[in-house]
């Protein structure tokens, strides 16, 4: 008689009948509902975090328009100056507004896009642990940037002007770049399209590390050899659209194939592949190409 799969949460050896595609655990009916409730609660927390960050931006923008300390400093400078520096004061105000607005609008747009994705995920009930982790990571990144923006702008006076020091605006925060680009290359590889595309030449060189090949072989140094995946997923396809997962906390990597809807994960031995990890793409055949999709297409 075949053995039954047990529920991951039952204390009394309950039979598991529902498998979660996110954590891959199997649950009985009761605990599958509880497990889904936990995920729903985690999504609520992400939505709350999103709304809080959005409100922070709105409050800062409102404060900026009414009584921002930078504006008060500009006004005091203008009061003590003579008529001929009024044009300089107005130019400084516009530059401050433009700098803050430009930097916050980028995050506001990203938050709006994420809000739509979160609403759709809730409506369709289409999300798992990996999705929640991706959303939390994005919010943390944007929160740090927003916090840095409002503490990075300083006003300086130009001492070379003998009549009155002319102000100029600077920021210690670089423009937020959501575009992922290729970095270092090795071998017969060319980087194109402002760092978004790599193209392989004619030479070939063997490489072995943690990851997957397009012939459905898995590279895993722990096993000492290449092994084929249980199902056909990448083989035979000339164009692939993959979403990559690098989970340093749980020491694993994975990918999601948008064509086949298959997910694959692999545990990484940090004694063989210590931190910090680096993502590498191995191009073998002539004219092999890899493109990083723009932020407007991000998941």
Protein backbone atom coordinates (compact mmCIF):
# COMPACT_ATOMS: atom_id res chain seq x y z
CA UNK A 1 0.00 0.00 0.00
CA UNK A 2 1.56 3.35 -1.02
CA UNK A 3 2.48 5.68 1.84
CA UNK A 4 0.46 8.85 2.31
CA UNK A 5 1.96 12.31 2.31
CA UNK A 6 1.56 13.88 5.75
CA UNK A 7 0.40 17.41 6.46
CA UNK A 8 3.33 19.69 7.33
CA UNK A 9 1.39 21.30 10.21
CA UNK A 10 -0.58 18.45 11.77
CA UNK A 11 0.46 17.05 15.14
CA UNK A 12 -1.58 13.88 14.60
CA UNK A 13 -0.20 12.68 11.28
CA UNK A 14 -2.96 14.24 9.18
CA UNK A 15 -2.93 13.48 5.46
CA UNK A 16 -1.68 16.27 3.21
CA UNK A 17 -3.86 16.89 0.15
CA UNK A 18 -2.93 20.43 -0.94
CA UNK A 19 0.58 21.45 -2.02
CA UNK A 20 1.72 25.08 -1.77
CA UNK A 21 3.68 26.02 -4.89
CA UNK A 22 5.55 28.68 -2.94
CA UNK A 23 7.01 26.77 0.02
CA UNK A 24 6.37 23.32 -1.61
CA UNK A 25 4.89 21.98 1.65
CA UNK A 26 1.77 19.80 1.69
CA UNK A 27 -1.17 20.54 4.03
CA UNK A 28 -4.50 19.07 5.00
CA UNK A 29 -7.65 21.05 4.22
CA UNK A 30 -7.71 22.81 7.59
CA UNK A 31 -4.07 23.81 7.59
CA UNK A 32 -4.08 24.77 3.92
CA UNK A 33 -6.69 27.41 4.81
CA UNK A 34 -4.59 28.53 7.79
CA UNK A 35 -1.48 28.65 5.60
CA UNK A 36 -3.32 30.82 3.07
CA UNK A 37 -4.50 33.10 5.86
CA UNK A 38 -0.88 33.58 6.93
CA UNK A 39 0.09 34.56 3.39
CA UNK A 40 -2.88 36.92 3.23
CA UNK A 41 -1.73 38.56 6.47
CA UNK A 42 1.78 38.97 5.09
CA UNK A 43 0.34 40.59 1.97
CA UNK A 44 -1.65 42.96 4.22
CA UNK A 45 1.60 43.97 5.91
CA UNK A 46 3.24 44.67 2.54
CA UNK A 47 0.26 46.78 1.46
CA UNK A 48 0.44 48.69 4.76
CA UNK A 49 4.18 49.24 4.30
CA UNK A 50 3.51 50.51 0.77
CA UNK A 51 0.79 52.91 1.94
CA UNK A 52 2.99 54.22 4.76
CA UNK A 53 5.84 54.93 2.37
CA UNK A 54 3.46 56.65 -0.05
CA UNK A 55 2.08 58.80 2.78
CA UNK A 56 5.63 59.74 3.82
CA UNK A 57 6.28 61.11 0.35
CA UNK A 58 3.00 63.07 0.35
CA UNK A 59 3.73 64.57 3.78
CA UNK A 60 7.25 65.58 2.78
CA UNK A 61 5.97 67.18 -0.43
CA UNK A 62 3.31 69.09 1.52
CA UNK A 63 5.86 70.26 4.10
CA UNK A 64 8.20 71.27 1.31
CA UNK A 65 5.52 73.47 -0.26
CA UNK A 66 4.59 75.14 3.06
CA UNK A 67 7.57 75.47 5.40
CA UNK A 68 10.51 73.39 4.26
CA UNK A 69 13.68 74.42 6.21
CA UNK A 70 15.54 74.85 2.96
CA UNK A 71 12.94 77.35 1.75
CA UNK A 72 13.13 79.24 5.05
CA UNK A 73 16.87 79.54 4.68
CA UNK A 74 16.42 80.84 1.16
CA UNK A 75 13.84 83.37 2.37
CA UNK A 76 16.13 84.66 5.14
CA UNK A 77 18.91 85.01 2.61
CA UNK A 78 16.56 86.89 0.29
CA UNK A 79 15.40 89.27 3.09
CA UNK A 80 18.99 90.27 3.90
CA UNK A 81 19.91 90.69 0.24
CA UNK A 82 19.21 93.62 -2.08
CA UNK A 83 16.88 93.79 -5.06
CA UNK A 84 19.40 92.55 -7.61
CA UNK A 85 19.62 89.10 -5.98
CA UNK A 86 15.86 88.39 -6.14
CA UNK A 87 16.24 86.57 -9.43
CA UNK A 88 18.90 84.32 -7.89
CA UNK A 89 16.57 83.48 -4.98
CA UNK A 90 13.79 82.45 -7.35
CA UNK A 91 16.17 80.29 -9.35
CA UNK A 92 17.28 78.58 -6.14
CA UNK A 93 13.66 77.84 -5.12
CA UNK A 94 12.89 76.30 -8.45
CA UNK A 95 16.02 74.16 -8.33
CA UNK A 96 15.18 72.82 -4.87
CA UNK A 97 11.62 72.01 -5.93
CA UNK A 98 12.82 70.35 -9.10
CA UNK A 99 15.43 68.25 -7.28
CA UNK A 100 13.03 66.98 -4.61
CA UNK A 101 10.14 66.46 -7.04
CA UNK A 102 12.30 64.63 -9.58
CA UNK A 103 13.69 62.23 -6.99
CA UNK A 104 10.37 61.53 -5.26
CA UNK A 105 8.38 61.16 -8.48
CA UNK A 106 10.55 58.20 -9.44
CA UNK A 107 9.64 56.34 -6.25
CA UNK A 108 6.00 57.49 -6.47
CA UNK A 109 5.74 55.92 -9.92
CA UNK A 110 7.27 52.67 -8.66
CA UNK A 111 4.89 52.63 -5.68
CA UNK A 112 1.91 53.17 -7.98
CA UNK A 113 2.99 50.27 -10.19
CA UNK A 114 3.55 48.05 -7.15
CA UNK A 115 0.14 49.02 -5.76
CA UNK A 116 -1.49 47.81 -8.97
CA UNK A 117 0.46 44.55 -8.77
CA UNK A 118 -0.52 44.03 -5.11
CA UNK A 119 -4.18 44.71 -5.83
CA UNK A 120 -4.13 42.29 -8.74
CA UNK A 121 -2.36 39.64 -6.63
CA UNK A 122 -5.00 39.98 -3.92
CA UNK A 123 -7.91 39.95 -6.39
CA UNK A 124 -6.59 36.93 -8.27
CA UNK A 125 -5.29 35.27 -5.09
CA UNK A 126 -2.10 34.80 -7.10
CA UNK A 127 0.94 35.08 -4.84
CA UNK A 128 3.32 32.87 -2.89
CA UNK A 129 6.17 33.38 -0.42
CA UNK A 130 8.70 34.29 -3.10
CA UNK A 131 6.40 37.03 -4.40
CA UNK A 132 6.01 38.49 -0.90
CA UNK A 133 9.75 38.44 -0.38
CA UNK A 134 10.34 40.30 -3.67
CA UNK A 135 7.79 42.98 -2.74
CA UNK A 136 9.22 43.45 0.75
CA UNK A 137 12.73 43.84 -0.68
CA UNK A 138 11.55 46.49 -3.13
CA UNK A 139 9.75 48.48 -0.45
CA UNK A 140 12.79 48.40 1.83
CA UNK A 141 15.00 49.65 -1.01
CA UNK A 142 12.63 52.52 -1.85
CA UNK A 143 12.14 53.43 1.83
CA UNK A 144 15.89 53.83 2.30
CA UNK A 145 16.11 56.00 -0.79
CA UNK A 146 13.20 58.27 0.26
CA UNK A 147 14.72 58.70 3.73
CA UNK A 148 18.09 59.60 2.23
CA UNK A 149 16.63 62.10 -0.26
CA UNK A 150 15.19 64.42 2.39
CA UNK A 151 18.43 64.47 4.41
CA UNK A 152 20.83 64.90 1.51
CA UNK A 153 20.07 68.36 0.11
CA UNK A 154 22.28 71.21 1.27
CA UNK A 155 22.55 74.88 0.39
CA UNK A 156 25.95 76.42 -0.26
CA UNK A 157 27.08 80.00 -0.83
CA UNK A 158 29.57 81.02 -3.49
CA UNK A 159 32.28 83.11 -1.77
CA UNK A 160 33.72 84.25 -5.12
CA UNK A 161 30.83 86.71 -5.54
CA UNK A 162 32.00 89.88 -3.75
CA UNK A 163 28.55 91.50 -3.64
CA UNK A 164 26.46 88.62 -2.37
CA UNK A 165 27.12 84.91 -2.25
CA UNK A 166 25.13 83.13 -4.95
CA UNK A 167 23.43 79.97 -3.76
CA UNK A 168 23.56 76.65 -5.53
CA UNK A 169 21.81 73.40 -4.67
CA UNK A 170 23.47 70.01 -4.30
CA UNK A 171 22.48 66.58 -3.10
CA UNK A 172 24.58 63.79 -1.61
CA UNK A 173 22.19 61.16 -3.00
CA UNK A 174 22.77 59.98 -6.52
CA UNK A 175 19.86 59.67 -8.91
CA UNK A 176 18.03 56.43 -8.12
CA UNK A 177 18.66 53.94 -10.89
CA UNK A 178 16.17 51.09 -11.15
CA UNK A 179 17.81 49.73 -14.30
CA UNK A 180 19.84 46.56 -13.83
CA UNK A 181 22.92 46.40 -16.06
CA UNK A 182 25.67 43.92 -16.83
CA UNK A 183 28.97 44.55 -15.05
CA UNK A 184 32.22 42.70 -15.62
CA UNK A 185 32.67 40.40 -18.60
CA UNK A 186 35.13 37.61 -19.36
CA UNK A 187 35.98 36.15 -22.74
CA UNK A 188 34.58 36.93 -26.18
CA UNK A 189 31.61 38.96 -24.91
CA UNK A 190 30.34 42.39 -25.98
CA UNK A 191 28.03 44.61 -23.90
CA UNK A 192 25.42 46.53 -25.90
CA UNK A 193 22.37 48.75 -25.41
CA UNK A 194 23.80 50.78 -22.53
CA UNK A 195 24.64 47.68 -20.49
CA UNK A 196 21.31 45.88 -20.93
CA UNK A 197 22.43 43.30 -23.53
CA UNK A 198 25.41 40.96 -23.80
CA UNK A 199 26.35 39.19 -27.03
CA UNK A 200 28.75 36.26 -27.48
CA UNK A 201 31.37 36.03 -30.20
CA UNK A 202 32.76 32.85 -31.75
CA UNK A 203 35.06 31.40 -29.07
CA UNK A 204 33.93 28.68 -26.65
CA UNK A 205 35.10 27.97 -23.11
CA UNK A 206 33.81 25.51 -20.52
CA UNK A 207 32.33 26.84 -17.29
CA UNK A 208 30.91 25.06 -14.26
CA UNK A 209 29.06 26.57 -11.29
CA UNK A 210 25.66 26.68 -9.58
CA UNK A 211 22.84 27.20 -12.07
CA UNK A 212 20.95 25.91 -15.09
CA UNK A 213 21.70 25.33 -18.77
CA UNK A 214 19.31 25.75 -21.69
CA UNK A 215 19.52 21.99 -22.38
CA UNK A 216 17.80 21.43 -18.99
CA UNK A 217 20.98 20.33 -17.24
CA UNK A 218 21.62 21.62 -13.72
CA UNK A 219 25.12 22.62 -12.64
CA UNK A 220 25.69 21.76 -8.99
CA UNK A 221 29.23 21.41 -7.60
CA UNK A 222 27.85 19.54 -4.58
CA UNK A 223 26.91 16.56 -6.74
CA UNK A 224 30.17 16.74 -8.65
CA UNK A 225 28.44 16.52 -12.04
CA UNK A 226 25.69 17.88 -14.25
CA UNK A 227 22.25 16.33 -13.87
CA UNK A 228 19.18 16.69 -16.05
CA UNK A 229 15.97 18.19 -14.67
CA UNK A 230 13.00 15.90 -14.28
CA UNK A 231 10.91 17.76 -16.86
CA UNK A 232 11.61 19.57 -20.11
CA UNK A 233 11.61 23.30 -19.46
CA UNK A 234 14.33 25.17 -21.36
CA UNK A 235 15.51 22.73 -24.03
CA UNK A 236 14.59 23.50 -27.63
CA UNK A 237 13.58 27.11 -26.97
CA UNK A 238 15.42 29.88 -28.83
CA UNK A 239 13.91 32.69 -26.76
CA UNK A 240 13.39 32.48 -23.00
CA UNK A 241 11.93 34.98 -20.54
CA UNK A 242 13.03 34.10 -17.01
CA UNK A 243 12.59 35.72 -13.62
CA UNK A 244 15.61 34.99 -11.42
CA UNK A 245 15.58 34.58 -7.63
CA UNK A 246 18.67 34.98 -5.44
CA UNK A 247 17.75 34.19 -1.83
CA UNK A 248 20.83 34.83 0.32
CA UNK A 249 18.95 34.36 3.61
CA UNK A 250 17.92 30.81 2.73
CA UNK A 251 21.05 30.17 0.63
CA UNK A 252 19.31 29.19 -2.57
CA UNK A 253 18.80 30.35 -6.14
CA UNK A 254 15.93 29.77 -8.51
CA UNK A 255 14.11 30.88 -11.63
CA UNK A 256 10.55 31.17 -12.95
CA UNK A 257 9.95 30.41 -16.65
CA UNK A 258 7.22 32.75 -17.86
CA UNK A 259 6.47 30.55 -20.90
CA UNK A 260 6.07 27.22 -19.10
CA UNK A 261 5.13 28.67 -15.67
CA UNK A 262 7.64 26.26 -14.08
CA UNK A 263 9.70 27.16 -11.02
CA UNK A 264 13.03 25.58 -10.11
CA UNK A 265 15.23 26.10 -7.06
CA UNK A 266 18.68 24.96 -5.99
CA UNK A 267 20.39 25.10 -2.59
CA UNK A 268 23.86 26.66 -2.58
CA UNK A 269 26.69 25.44 -0.35
CA UNK A 270 28.29 28.66 0.92
CA UNK A 271 31.51 26.84 1.77
CA UNK A 272 31.92 26.32 -1.99
CA UNK A 273 30.24 29.56 -3.05
CA UNK A 274 30.71 32.10 -0.21
CA UNK A 275 29.11 35.53 -0.01
CA UNK A 276 28.93 37.98 -1.67
CA UNK A 277 27.32 36.14 -4.57
CA UNK A 278 27.56 37.37 -8.13
CA UNK A 279 25.12 36.59 -10.91
CA UNK A 280 26.82 35.22 -14.04
CA UNK A 281 25.45 34.42 -17.48
CA UNK A 282 27.44 31.87 -19.49
CA UNK A 283 27.15 32.41 -23.26
CA UNK A 284 28.41 29.43 -25.30
CA UNK A 285 27.12 29.45 -28.90
CA UNK A 286 27.88 32.17 -31.44
CA UNK A 287 25.56 35.20 -31.17
CA UNK A 288 24.04 34.02 -27.88
CA UNK A 289 22.38 37.06 -26.31
CA UNK A 290 21.08 37.93 -22.83
CA UNK A 291 18.99 41.03 -22.17
CA UNK A 292 17.99 42.58 -18.83
CA UNK A 293 14.45 43.88 -19.14
CA UNK A 294 13.86 47.53 -18.31
CA UNK A 295 12.33 48.59 -15.00
CA UNK A 296 9.02 49.36 -16.77
CA UNK A 297 8.68 45.62 -17.37
CA UNK A 298 9.75 44.49 -13.92
CA UNK A 299 7.64 41.99 -12.00
